Protein backbone atom coordinates (compact mmCIF):
# COMPACT_ATOMS: atom_id res chain seq x y z
CA MET A 1 147.98 114.97 30.61
CA ALA A 2 145.21 112.69 31.84
CA ASP A 3 143.41 115.69 33.36
CA THR A 4 143.43 117.46 29.98
CA ALA A 5 141.94 114.40 28.26
CA ASN A 6 139.29 114.08 30.98
CA ASN A 7 138.43 117.77 30.67
CA GLU A 8 138.04 117.45 26.89
CA HIS A 9 135.87 114.35 27.30
CA THR A 10 133.73 116.18 29.87
CA LYS A 11 133.33 119.19 27.55
CA ILE A 12 132.35 116.97 24.61
CA ALA A 13 129.85 115.06 26.76
CA ALA A 14 128.34 118.33 28.01
CA LEU A 15 128.06 119.67 24.45
CA GLN A 16 126.42 116.46 23.26
CA ASN A 17 123.92 116.71 26.12
CA ILE A 18 123.08 120.30 25.15
CA VAL A 19 122.71 119.36 21.47
CA ASN A 20 120.58 116.34 22.30
CA ALA A 21 118.43 117.99 24.97
CA GLN A 22 118.01 121.48 23.53
CA TYR A 23 119.22 122.15 19.99
CA VAL A 24 117.85 119.08 18.20
CA PRO A 25 114.36 119.14 19.77
CA GLU A 26 114.10 122.90 19.16
CA PHE A 27 115.26 122.44 15.56
CA VAL A 28 112.70 119.65 15.01
CA LYS A 29 109.96 121.74 16.66
CA THR A 30 110.74 124.77 14.48
CA CYS A 31 110.75 122.62 11.35
CA ALA A 32 107.43 121.03 12.34
CA GLU A 33 105.88 124.47 12.85
CA LEU A 34 106.94 125.31 9.29
CA GLY A 35 105.43 122.06 7.97
CA LEU A 36 108.61 119.97 7.60
CA GLN A 37 108.33 116.55 9.22
CA PHE A 38 111.16 114.05 9.52
CA GLU A 39 110.33 110.43 8.73
CA ASN A 40 113.50 109.00 10.24
CA GLU A 41 116.92 109.77 11.68
CA THR A 42 118.41 109.99 8.18
CA ASP A 43 116.07 112.86 7.26
CA LEU A 44 116.97 114.62 10.50
CA ALA A 45 120.69 114.11 9.83
CA HIS A 46 120.37 115.62 6.34
CA ALA A 47 118.40 118.58 7.71
CA LEU A 48 120.96 119.21 10.46
CA GLN A 49 123.77 119.05 7.93
CA LEU A 50 122.03 121.52 5.62
CA ASN A 51 121.37 123.85 8.54
CA GLY A 52 124.97 123.67 9.75
CA LYS A 53 126.45 124.13 6.27
CA PHE A 54 124.33 127.19 5.52
CA ALA A 55 125.09 128.70 8.93
CA SER A 56 128.82 128.31 8.41
CA LEU A 57 128.62 129.69 4.86
CA VAL A 58 126.68 132.77 5.95
CA SER A 59 129.40 133.58 8.47
CA SER A 60 132.16 133.02 5.90
CA GLY A 61 130.97 135.70 3.47
CA VAL A 62 129.98 133.32 0.65
CA SER A 63 127.34 134.80 -1.65
CA ILE A 64 124.16 132.95 -0.71
CA ASP A 65 122.47 133.94 -4.02
CA THR A 66 125.29 132.38 -6.02
CA LEU A 67 125.28 129.29 -3.83
CA VAL A 68 121.49 128.87 -4.12
CA ASP A 69 121.69 129.26 -7.91
CA SER A 70 124.33 126.54 -7.99
CA ILE A 71 122.25 124.24 -5.78
CA VAL A 72 119.17 124.74 -7.97
CA THR A 73 121.24 123.93 -11.05
CA ASN A 74 122.54 120.73 -9.45
CA LEU A 75 119.03 119.74 -8.37
CA ASN A 76 117.54 120.42 -11.80
CA VAL A 77 120.18 118.31 -13.55
CA LYS A 78 119.89 115.50 -11.00
CA HIS A 79 116.12 115.33 -11.04
CA ALA A 80 115.77 115.81 -14.79
CA SER A 81 117.96 112.72 -15.25
CA GLU A 82 116.07 110.75 -12.60
CA GLY A 83 112.63 111.97 -13.67
CA GLN A 84 111.78 112.99 -10.12
CA ILE A 85 109.65 115.95 -9.13
CA LYS A 86 109.58 115.86 -5.33
CA LEU A 87 112.81 117.05 -3.71
CA SER A 88 114.09 115.26 -0.65
CA LEU A 89 116.36 116.57 2.07
CA ALA A 90 118.98 114.09 0.87
CA SER A 91 118.88 115.37 -2.72
CA MET A 92 119.20 118.96 -1.50
CA ASN A 93 122.12 117.96 0.74
CA TYR A 94 123.90 116.21 -2.14
CA ALA A 95 123.27 119.25 -4.36
CA LEU A 96 124.76 121.49 -1.68
CA ASP A 97 127.82 119.22 -1.48
CA ALA A 98 128.23 119.42 -5.27
CA SER A 99 127.93 123.21 -5.12
CA LEU A 100 130.50 123.46 -2.34
CA ASP A 101 132.88 121.21 -4.27
CA ALA A 102 132.40 123.30 -7.44
CA ALA A 103 133.11 126.47 -5.45
CA GLY A 104 136.25 124.95 -3.92
CA ILE A 105 134.87 125.12 -0.38
CA PRO A 106 136.24 122.23 1.71
CA SER A 107 133.86 120.06 3.71
CA GLY A 108 134.82 117.36 6.21
CA GLU A 109 133.79 113.77 5.55
CA MET A 110 131.35 113.79 8.48
CA ASN A 111 129.63 116.79 6.89
CA LYS A 112 129.14 115.11 3.51
CA ALA A 113 125.66 113.95 2.58
CA ALA A 114 126.87 110.36 2.32
CA SER A 115 127.55 110.33 6.06
CA ALA A 116 123.92 111.34 6.71
CA ASP A 117 122.73 108.43 4.56
CA SER A 118 124.56 105.98 6.82
CA ILE A 119 122.99 107.37 10.00
CA SER A 120 120.10 104.87 10.17
CA ALA A 121 122.43 101.97 10.96
CA VAL A 122 124.37 103.53 13.82
CA SER A 123 124.23 103.39 17.58
CA ASP A 124 122.87 106.17 19.77
CA ASP A 125 126.43 107.19 20.71
CA GLU A 126 127.43 107.41 17.06
CA LEU A 127 124.30 109.44 16.29
CA LEU A 128 125.10 111.86 19.13
CA ASN A 129 128.66 112.19 17.84
CA PHE A 130 127.35 112.89 14.34
CA LEU A 131 124.89 115.51 15.63
CA ASN A 132 127.72 117.12 17.59
CA VAL A 133 129.84 117.38 14.44
CA VAL A 134 127.16 118.82 12.15
CA SER A 135 125.36 121.15 14.54
């Protein structure tokens, strides 16, 4: 039993190392090449969540056009009420959460936008765990 737990811990540690050393820097580099810069870890967390959510939805057969229309509707309502023009990664992530909820698509608590907002006050280990969950 202890060997199984050690094996799982080793696999998780190896995956976190891959995510940290390869996926996240490559993701950030690709975003930078497209003109998207991250100001802090919270922005990165929201971007990773959005990326992971869209990737999982594409593979699940959800209509991306319908989903995007729903997200745009949520953003328009949110920003019309707040009087904002510039969209942030956080607002897009919250709009995606609202769209998923409206469509009845379940999302784990670690994948909710609120968990990305709390990322700036966490330890490196917690950040790696979060990145492992959403990537």
